[in-house]
Protein backbone atom coordinates (compact mmCIF):
# COMPACT_ATOMS: atom_id res chain seq x y z
CA MET A 1 64.61 66.28 -24.39
CA HIS A 2 63.14 64.07 -27.12
CA ARG A 3 66.52 62.34 -27.46
CA ILE A 4 66.78 61.70 -23.69
CA LEU A 5 63.27 60.24 -23.58
CA SER A 6 64.11 58.07 -26.56
CA ILE A 7 67.19 56.71 -24.80
CA LEU A 8 65.20 55.83 -21.70
CA LEU A 9 62.46 54.23 -23.76
CA PHE A 10 65.04 52.37 -25.79
CA ILE A 11 66.63 50.84 -22.70
CA LEU A 12 63.30 49.77 -21.22
CA THR A 13 62.02 48.41 -24.54
CA ASN A 14 65.08 46.28 -25.20
CA LEU A 15 65.13 44.93 -21.67
CA LEU A 16 61.62 43.65 -22.33
CA ILE A 17 62.21 42.41 -25.86
CA PHE A 18 65.64 40.83 -25.61
CA SER A 19 65.99 40.02 -21.91
CA SER A 20 69.47 38.48 -21.53
CA SER A 21 70.71 40.23 -24.69
CA ALA A 22 69.89 43.70 -23.40
CA GLU A 23 73.51 44.29 -22.46
CA ALA A 24 74.55 43.60 -26.04
CA ILE A 25 72.10 46.17 -27.38
CA VAL A 26 72.59 48.96 -24.85
CA GLY A 27 76.26 49.46 -25.41
CA GLN A 28 79.24 50.98 -27.09
CA GLY A 29 77.45 51.93 -30.28
CA LEU A 30 74.99 54.24 -28.52
CA TYR A 31 77.64 55.53 -26.17
CA GLU A 32 79.80 56.59 -29.08
CA TYR A 33 76.84 58.11 -30.87
CA PHE A 34 75.66 60.29 -28.00
CA THR A 35 79.17 61.38 -27.00
CA GLY A 36 80.00 62.56 -30.50
CA LYS A 37 82.62 59.89 -31.26
CA ALA A 38 80.74 58.04 -33.97
CA SER A 39 80.70 58.32 -37.76
CA LYS A 40 79.93 61.76 -39.16
CA CYS A 41 77.05 60.13 -40.94
CA ILE A 42 75.03 59.93 -37.76
CA THR A 43 75.50 63.61 -36.84
CA ALA A 44 74.19 65.01 -40.14
CA ASP A 45 70.59 66.23 -40.12
CA PHE A 46 68.21 64.30 -42.32
CA ASP A 47 66.03 66.12 -44.85
CA LYS A 48 63.35 68.17 -43.04
CA GLU A 49 61.57 69.46 -46.16
CA ASP A 50 58.11 68.16 -46.95
CA ARG A 51 58.35 65.82 -49.90
CA THR A 52 56.15 63.20 -51.48
CA VAL A 53 56.98 59.53 -51.15
CA ASN A 54 58.06 59.39 -54.79
CA GLN A 55 60.33 62.39 -54.36
CA HIS A 56 62.05 60.76 -51.41
CA PHE A 57 62.56 57.54 -53.37
CA GLU A 58 63.98 59.44 -56.35
CA ILE A 59 66.52 61.21 -54.11
CA ILE A 60 67.44 57.92 -52.39
CA ASN A 61 67.96 56.16 -55.71
CA ASP A 62 70.11 59.03 -56.97
CA TYR A 63 72.36 58.87 -53.87
CA VAL A 64 72.67 55.10 -54.20
CA ALA A 65 73.63 55.41 -57.88
CA ARG A 66 76.44 57.77 -56.81
CA GLU A 67 77.37 55.46 -53.89
CA LYS A 68 76.60 58.14 -51.33
CA PHE A 69 75.10 55.65 -48.90
CA CYS A 70 75.13 57.88 -45.85
CA LYS A 71 73.03 60.51 -47.59
CA ALA A 72 70.78 57.80 -49.01
CA ALA A 73 70.23 56.42 -45.51
CA LEU A 74 69.50 59.87 -44.08
CA GLN A 75 66.96 60.45 -46.83
CA SER A 76 65.42 57.09 -45.99
CA ILE A 77 65.13 58.25 -42.37
CA ALA A 78 63.42 61.43 -43.59
CA LEU A 79 61.02 59.31 -45.63
CA SER A 80 60.06 57.14 -42.67
CA GLU A 81 59.67 60.23 -40.44
CA GLN A 82 57.39 62.06 -42.89
CA HIS A 83 55.39 59.08 -44.17
CA PRO A 84 55.40 56.42 -41.41
CA SER A 85 52.04 54.98 -42.45
CA ASN A 86 52.76 54.63 -46.15
CA GLN A 87 52.58 51.01 -47.26
CA ARG A 88 55.85 51.21 -49.23
CA VAL A 89 57.62 52.63 -46.19
CA ARG A 90 56.16 50.12 -43.72
CA GLN A 91 56.97 47.24 -46.03
CA PHE A 92 60.73 47.85 -46.00
CA PRO A 93 61.70 49.35 -42.61
CA GLU A 94 65.14 47.75 -42.91
CA ARG A 95 66.11 49.85 -45.95
CA THR A 96 67.87 52.53 -43.88
CA ILE A 97 69.99 49.95 -42.05
CA GLU A 98 70.87 48.18 -45.28
CA LEU A 99 72.06 51.45 -46.82
CA LEU A 100 74.20 52.24 -43.78
CA ILE A 101 75.70 48.76 -43.89
CA GLN A 102 76.33 49.08 -47.61
CA GLY A 103 78.31 52.24 -46.90
CA GLU A 104 80.09 50.54 -43.96
CA HIS A 105 78.62 52.98 -41.45
CA TRP A 106 78.49 50.29 -38.78
CA THR A 107 77.76 52.26 -35.61
CA PRO A 108 74.93 54.29 -37.17
CA ALA A 109 73.46 51.02 -38.42
CA ILE A 110 73.49 49.64 -34.87
CA VAL A 111 71.74 52.81 -33.65
CA GLU A 112 69.05 52.61 -36.33
CA VAL A 113 68.22 49.02 -35.41
CA HIS A 114 67.79 50.27 -31.84
CA ASN A 115 65.57 53.10 -33.07
CA TYR A 116 63.40 50.65 -34.96
CA PHE A 117 62.56 48.74 -31.80
CA ILE A 118 62.02 51.99 -29.90
CA LYS A 119 59.28 52.88 -32.38
CA HIS A 120 57.65 49.47 -32.07
CA PRO A 121 57.26 48.95 -28.31
CA GLU A 122 54.01 47.07 -28.90
CA GLY A 123 55.87 44.30 -30.67
CA VAL A 124 57.33 43.52 -34.07
CA ASP A 125 56.33 41.13 -36.82
CA ALA A 126 58.37 37.94 -36.34
CA PHE A 127 59.86 38.08 -39.83
CA LYS A 128 60.88 41.72 -39.49
CA ALA A 129 62.26 41.12 -36.00
CA GLN A 130 64.49 38.36 -37.36
CA LYS A 131 65.64 40.49 -40.30
CA MET A 132 66.38 43.48 -38.08
CA TYR A 133 68.23 41.39 -35.54
CA PHE A 134 70.25 39.82 -38.35
CA LEU A 135 71.19 43.29 -39.65
CA LEU A 136 72.26 44.13 -36.10
CA THR A 137 74.65 41.17 -36.15
CA VAL A 138 75.99 42.26 -39.55
CA ALA A 139 76.62 45.77 -38.21
CA TYR A 140 78.39 44.43 -35.13
CA GLY A 141 80.44 42.19 -37.40
CA GLY A 142 81.61 45.17 -39.41
CA ALA A 143 82.19 47.30 -36.30
CA GLN A 144 84.56 44.78 -34.70
CA PRO A 145 87.99 46.37 -34.22
CA GLU A 146 91.28 44.67 -34.93
CA TYR A 147 92.23 42.27 -32.16
CA ARG A 148 95.00 44.60 -30.96
CA ASN A 149 92.41 47.23 -29.96
CA ASP A 150 89.84 47.40 -27.17
CA GLN A 151 87.23 44.68 -27.68
CA THR A 152 84.14 46.27 -26.10
CA LEU A 153 82.24 46.23 -29.40
CA THR A 154 83.38 42.67 -30.04
CA MET A 155 81.95 41.59 -26.68
CA GLU A 156 78.66 43.33 -27.44
CA GLY A 157 78.65 41.57 -30.79
CA ILE A 158 79.24 38.17 -29.18
CA GLU A 159 76.15 38.64 -27.03
CA ALA A 160 74.13 39.80 -30.04
CA TYR A 161 75.22 36.74 -32.08
CA GLN A 162 74.46 34.35 -29.25
CA GLY A 163 71.11 36.04 -28.70
CA PHE A 164 70.22 35.68 -32.38
CA LEU A 165 71.14 31.99 -32.39
CA ASP A 166 69.02 31.44 -29.27
CA TYR A 167 65.95 33.35 -30.54
CA PHE A 168 66.04 32.14 -34.14
CA PRO A 169 67.45 28.57 -34.14
CA ASP A 170 65.89 27.76 -37.54
CA SER A 171 66.84 31.02 -39.27
CA PRO A 172 68.33 30.86 -42.79
CA TYR A 173 70.86 33.40 -41.49
CA ARG A 174 72.08 31.03 -38.78
CA ASN A 175 75.28 29.94 -40.54
CA GLN A 176 76.29 33.52 -41.25
CA VAL A 177 75.74 34.56 -37.64
CA GLN A 178 77.65 31.51 -36.45
CA THR A 179 80.56 32.67 -38.61
CA PHE A 180 80.35 36.15 -37.06
CA LEU A 181 80.45 34.54 -33.62
CA SER A 182 83.50 32.40 -34.44
CA ILE A 183 85.41 35.43 -35.76
CA ALA A 184 84.48 37.50 -32.70
CA LEU A 185 85.53 34.79 -30.25
CA ASP A 186 88.83 34.42 -32.06
CA LYS A 187 89.42 38.18 -31.85
CA LYS A 188 88.58 38.24 -28.17
CA SER A 189 90.89 35.33 -27.45
CA ARG A 190 93.68 36.99 -29.43
CA TYR A 191 93.19 40.24 -27.55
CA GLU A 192 93.08 38.59 -24.13
CA ALA A 193 96.02 36.28 -24.73
CA ILE A 194 98.32 38.05 -27.14
CA GLU A 195 97.72 41.74 -26.41
CA VAL A 196 96.81 41.97 -22.73
CA GLY A 197 98.66 38.82 -21.66
CA GLY A 198 101.61 39.78 -23.86
CA TYR A 199 101.84 43.19 -22.21
CA TYR A 200 102.14 41.67 -18.74
CA LEU A 201 104.58 39.06 -20.02
CA LYS A 202 106.88 41.71 -21.49
CA GLN A 203 106.73 43.67 -18.24
CA GLY A 204 107.64 40.54 -16.30
CA LEU A 205 110.63 39.86 -18.53
CA GLN A 206 111.86 43.43 -18.07
CA ARG A 207 111.16 43.99 -14.36
CA ARG A 208 113.03 41.37 -12.37
CA LYS A 209 111.96 42.61 -8.95
CA GLU A 210 108.26 42.30 -9.83
CA ARG A 211 108.58 39.42 -12.29
CA GLY A 212 106.31 37.07 -10.38
CA ARG A 213 103.43 39.53 -10.22
CA TYR A 214 103.54 40.36 -13.92
CA MET A 215 103.98 36.73 -14.93
CA ALA A 216 100.98 35.78 -12.79
CA ALA A 217 98.91 38.49 -14.48
CA ALA A 218 100.06 37.23 -17.89
CA TYR A 219 99.18 33.64 -16.97
CA ASN A 220 95.66 34.60 -15.86
CA ARG A 221 95.00 36.35 -19.18
CA ILE A 222 96.62 33.86 -21.55
CA LYS A 223 95.00 30.77 -20.04
CA SER A 224 91.56 31.99 -21.22
CA VAL A 225 92.32 30.45 -24.60
CA PHE A 226 92.48 27.01 -22.98
CA VAL A 227 89.81 27.15 -20.28
CA ILE A 228 86.96 28.64 -22.37
CA ARG A 229 85.47 26.04 -24.67
CA ASP A 230 84.42 28.55 -27.34
CA PHE A 231 88.05 29.44 -28.00
CA GLU A 232 89.01 25.84 -28.78
CA GLY A 233 90.59 25.53 -32.19
CA SER A 234 91.48 29.21 -32.39
CA PRO A 235 94.59 29.86 -34.54
CA VAL A 236 96.02 31.78 -31.61
CA GLU A 237 96.44 28.63 -29.51
CA GLY A 238 100.00 28.03 -30.65
CA GLN A 239 101.26 31.41 -29.57
CA ALA A 240 99.12 31.33 -26.41
CA PHE A 241 100.72 28.02 -25.41
CA GLY A 242 104.21 29.38 -25.96
CA MET A 243 103.44 32.53 -23.96
CA LEU A 244 101.79 30.51 -21.20
CA TYR A 245 104.98 28.45 -20.99
CA GLN A 246 107.04 31.64 -20.73
CA ALA A 247 104.82 32.99 -17.97
CA LEU A 248 104.76 29.84 -15.84
CA GLU A 249 108.44 29.13 -16.33
CA GLY A 250 109.24 32.60 -15.00
CA ILE A 251 107.28 32.33 -11.74
CA GLU A 252 108.67 31.22 -8.38
CA PHE A 253 106.00 30.15 -5.92
CA PRO A 254 105.03 31.72 -3.69
CA ILE A 255 105.45 35.01 -5.53
CA LYS A 256 107.91 37.28 -3.76
CA LYS A 257 106.31 39.50 -1.13
CA LYS A 258 106.64 43.26 -1.11
CA SER A 259 106.48 43.41 2.67
CA ILE A 260 106.57 41.01 5.59
CA ASP A 261 102.86 41.63 6.24
CA GLU A 262 101.74 40.73 2.72
CA PRO A 263 100.00 37.34 2.41
CA LEU A 264 101.28 34.62 0.12
CA ARG A 265 100.61 35.25 -3.55
CA CYS A 266 99.93 32.50 -6.07
CA VAL A 267 98.42 32.65 -9.54
CA SER A 268 94.66 32.31 -10.02
CA GLU A 269 93.18 29.80 -7.62
CA ASP A 270 91.02 28.22 -10.31
CA GLU A 271 90.97 24.45 -10.49
CA PRO A 272 93.83 23.47 -12.86
CA ARG A 273 92.14 20.45 -14.43
CA MET A 274 90.62 22.39 -17.32
CA ILE A 275 93.86 24.05 -18.33
CA VAL A 276 95.81 20.81 -17.93
CA GLY A 277 93.31 19.03 -20.16
CA GLY A 278 93.41 21.83 -22.73
CA LEU A 279 97.21 21.85 -22.87
CA LYS A 280 97.42 18.08 -23.13
CA LYS A 281 94.90 17.98 -25.96
CA PHE A 282 96.74 20.81 -27.72
CA ILE A 283 100.04 18.92 -27.56
CA GLU A 284 98.48 15.67 -28.78
CA THR A 285 96.52 17.10 -31.71
CA LYS A 286 97.82 20.46 -32.86
CA THR A 287 101.59 20.74 -32.73
CA ASP A 288 102.01 19.43 -36.27
CA SER A 289 99.78 22.11 -37.77
CA ILE A 290 100.24 25.06 -35.38
CA LYS A 291 103.66 26.33 -34.36
CA ILE A 292 104.43 27.13 -30.72
CA LEU A 293 105.44 30.80 -30.62
CA ASN A 294 106.73 33.19 -27.97
CA HIS A 295 105.42 36.70 -27.22
CA LYS A 296 107.41 38.08 -30.17
CA GLY A 297 105.81 35.63 -32.57
CA ARG A 298 108.96 33.55 -32.96
CA GLN A 299 108.95 29.78 -32.79
CA ILE A 300 110.06 28.34 -29.45
CA LYS A 301 112.70 25.64 -29.75
CA GLY A 302 112.35 22.49 -27.72
CA ASN A 303 110.32 19.33 -27.38
CA PRO A 304 106.63 20.13 -26.75
CA SER A 305 106.26 17.20 -24.34
CA THR A 306 109.20 18.47 -22.27
CA MET A 307 107.67 21.93 -22.25
CA LEU A 308 104.39 20.47 -21.06
CA SER A 309 106.18 18.66 -18.22
CA VAL A 310 107.61 21.99 -17.07
CA MET A 311 104.15 23.50 -17.12
CA TYR A 312 102.73 20.58 -15.11
CA ASP A 313 105.41 21.14 -12.49
CA ARG A 314 104.68 24.86 -12.26
CA LEU A 315 100.93 24.28 -11.99
CA ALA A 316 101.51 21.70 -9.26
CA GLN A 317 103.74 24.18 -7.44
CA ASN A 318 100.90 26.68 -7.64
CA GLU A 319 98.47 24.21 -6.09
CA LEU A 320 100.95 23.78 -3.26
CA CYS A 321 101.18 27.57 -2.97
CA VAL A 322 97.39 27.93 -2.74
CA GLY A 323 97.21 25.27 -0.03
CA LYS A 324 99.91 27.02 2.01
CA LYS A 325 98.08 30.30 1.58
CA GLY A 326 95.02 28.63 3.11
CA LEU A 327 97.08 27.66 6.16
CA GLU A 328 98.50 31.16 6.39
CA ASP A 329 94.97 32.57 6.46
CA ILE A 330 94.14 30.72 9.69
CA PRO A 331 96.02 33.01 12.13
CA TYR A 332 94.88 36.04 10.09
CA TYR A 333 91.19 35.23 10.51
CA LYS A 334 91.75 34.18 14.09
CA SER A 335 93.12 37.65 14.85
CA ILE A 336 90.07 39.26 13.21
CA LEU A 337 87.35 37.05 14.67
CA GLY A 338 88.90 36.58 18.09
CA ARG A 339 86.79 34.25 20.26
CA GLU A 340 84.39 33.65 17.36
CA PHE A 341 87.13 31.68 15.61
CA ASP A 342 86.40 28.38 17.35
CA ASP A 343 87.48 24.83 16.52
CA VAL A 344 84.58 24.39 14.09
CA LYS A 345 85.79 27.28 11.91
CA LYS A 346 89.37 26.05 12.21
CA VAL A 347 88.35 22.61 10.94
CA ILE A 348 86.67 24.23 7.91
CA PHE A 349 89.88 26.11 7.02
CA LEU A 350 92.02 23.00 7.50
CA ASN A 351 89.77 20.89 5.28
CA ALA A 352 89.91 23.52 2.53
CA ALA A 353 93.71 23.58 2.64
CA TYR A 354 93.80 19.77 2.75
CA ASP A 355 91.81 19.64 -0.50
CA ARG A 356 94.24 21.99 -2.26
CA PHE A 357 97.27 19.92 -1.26
CA ARG A 358 95.44 16.77 -2.31
CA ASN A 359 94.89 18.24 -5.81
CA VAL A 360 98.59 17.63 -6.44
CA PHE A 361 97.84 13.90 -6.38
CA PHE A 362 94.53 13.93 -8.24
CA ILE A 363 96.21 14.86 -11.53
CA LYS A 364 98.53 12.13 -12.74
CA GLU A 365 101.11 14.49 -14.23
CA PHE A 366 101.37 16.42 -10.94
CA GLN A 367 102.34 13.36 -8.92
CA ASN A 368 105.95 13.40 -10.14
CA SER A 369 106.36 17.14 -9.72
CA SER A 370 108.73 18.85 -7.35
CA ALA A 371 105.67 19.90 -5.35
CA ALA A 372 104.66 16.34 -4.44
CA PRO A 373 106.90 15.70 -1.35
CA GLU A 374 105.97 18.94 0.39
CA ALA A 375 102.30 18.55 -0.53
CA LEU A 376 102.27 15.07 1.02
CA ALA A 377 104.03 16.36 4.14
CA GLN A 378 101.43 19.13 4.45
CA ILE A 379 98.63 16.58 4.03
CA THR A 380 100.13 14.57 6.87
CA ARG A 381 100.40 17.71 8.98
CA ILE A 382 96.75 18.70 8.50
CA ALA A 383 95.60 15.12 9.15
CA ALA A 384 97.51 15.20 12.45
CA ALA A 385 95.86 18.51 13.40
CA LEU A 386 92.39 17.23 12.52
CA THR A 387 93.04 14.08 14.58
CA ARG A 388 93.37 16.32 17.63
CA LEU A 389 90.35 18.46 16.74
CA SER A 390 87.93 15.63 15.94
CA GLU A 391 85.20 15.10 18.49
CA SER A 392 84.07 11.61 17.49
CA THR A 393 86.31 8.58 17.93
CA GLU A 394 85.47 7.29 14.45
CA VAL A 395 86.56 10.51 12.74
CA ARG A 396 89.66 10.73 14.91
CA TYR A 397 90.73 7.22 13.86
CA GLU A 398 90.08 8.08 10.22
CA TRP A 399 92.43 11.09 10.34
CA SER A 400 94.98 9.13 12.32
CA ASP A 401 95.05 6.51 9.54
CA LYS A 402 95.71 9.25 7.00
CA VAL A 403 98.69 10.42 9.04
CA GLU A 404 100.18 6.93 8.90
CA GLN A 405 99.42 6.62 5.18
CA GLY A 406 101.18 9.91 4.53
CA LEU A 407 104.30 8.88 6.46
CA GLN A 408 104.44 5.49 4.74
CA THR A 409 104.07 7.03 1.27
CA LEU A 410 106.82 9.54 1.97
CA ARG A 411 109.09 6.75 3.19
CA LYS A 412 108.37 4.67 0.10
CA GLU A 413 108.18 7.30 -2.67
CA PHE A 414 110.47 10.05 -1.37
CA PRO A 415 112.98 8.41 0.98
CA GLN A 416 115.67 11.07 0.45
CA SER A 417 113.40 14.09 0.68
CA PRO A 418 113.84 16.44 3.68
CA TRP A 419 110.03 16.69 3.75
CA ARG A 420 109.90 13.12 5.06
CA GLN A 421 111.59 14.15 8.30
CA GLN A 422 109.47 17.31 8.48
CA ALA A 423 106.30 15.23 8.15
CA ARG A 424 107.41 12.98 11.03
CA SER A 425 107.93 16.08 13.16
CA TRP A 426 104.54 17.51 12.16
CA ALA A 427 102.81 14.22 12.96
CA LYS A 428 103.87 14.72 16.60
CA ASN A 429 103.22 18.47 16.67
CA PRO A 430 101.44 19.95 13.58
CA GLY A 431 101.59 23.48 14.99
CA LEU A 432 98.17 24.36 13.58
C-alpha cells in the first residue's frame, strides 16, 4: 500500500514541479521497476538493521572499495531512511544516485531521483534540484538503448534533457546535457529512419502486390530525418536519403486500391516544402562527406542531382494524388450529408483541392515534373466549376480568367499533352 501511495504522490508531485516535463519523468523507468523488469539491484532489500551513521558510512565505503556499487547504494538508502535528519545525510542526498550511476544501474538511478522529489513535495533547494535533475539526465543517457531497439527510454530522455536546458539555462552542466540531447536525437532519427523505415522498405521490395502501401509507410518514417530540425546534421542522413529515394522511386500514385470502394491513397499529406528544402540542402552541402546508402548500407550508384530530380517528380506526383483525392471526397461527403451538402460546402472542398494542385507550381522543381500537365488541367477544371458556383459577378469573372489562363498555359507549355484537350473539355463541362 505504501508503494501505491508513493506512486500516486510521485505522479502528482512531478506534475507540479516539472509541468511539461512530467511525461519524461513518469515513464519507462518506473514501469520497468514496478513490473519486475528492471535491474536486480532495485529489487534487493536495503539494510533494515538499526545502525549508527558512522556504521552506515563504513559499510558504504567498504562496498565502494570493492566496487559493489549496488550494495553501496542500497546501504545509502538505508542510511537516509534511518537518519533522514542527520546533517551529513541531508547534505549529500545525491550520493545514492551517484553510486547507482557509478555501477551503471541506470533505471534504479532514475527511480531514486523520482523518490527524492517524492520526499520533498514542499520544494527543493535550487542547487540540489539542479544537481538531481542533472543526475536524472545522466541516468537517462546511460539507459538509452541501441538505436535498433525500442526508443521509449530515449524519448523520455529527450524530454528530460530539454526540460533541464529550459529550467537551468545557465547551468555548468548545460554542455553535457546538450551532448546527451544530440546523441538521443541521433538515435531516435536512426531508429525511425533506418530500423522502422527500413522494415517497411524491405517489405515493399518483397511484396509486389502491396508495394505502394509499404513504400508509403517507409517514406513517412524516413522523411523524419529531413523535416525535423533537430535531426539536421545527423550522420544517418546519407542512408536516410538513399532509402527515401528507394521508397519514392517504388511508388505509383495513386497507390493501388485493394477494392473498388477504397478511396485514393497517397503518401502523407504534409506540405512537401520542408522535405524538398532538406533534400536540396543535403545534396548541396553533404554529398562529399556523407555517402548515399541504400537500406542494406551499400552505396547507391548514380548522380545525386539526377536522384533528386526523380524525388522531385515523385513528390509532385503525390501532390497531384492528394488533390485528386480531395475531388474524390466530394461525392463521398455528399452521400453522407445529403441535403446538408450545399454549394457552400462544395466550394470549400473545391478550393482545398485547387490549393493542392497549385502546390505543383509553387515549388520550382515541381514545375517540370510529369505531374504538371494534369495538375494544370485539374486547376482549369476546378476554376470552371467555381465559375458556375460563384454568386457574385466579380468572383465569377475572376475564376473565368483563371480558366483562360490555364488553357493558354497548357497550349504554350504542354502543346502535345493529352491533358490539354481534356482541360478544354472540362472548361465546358467540369463534371464537379
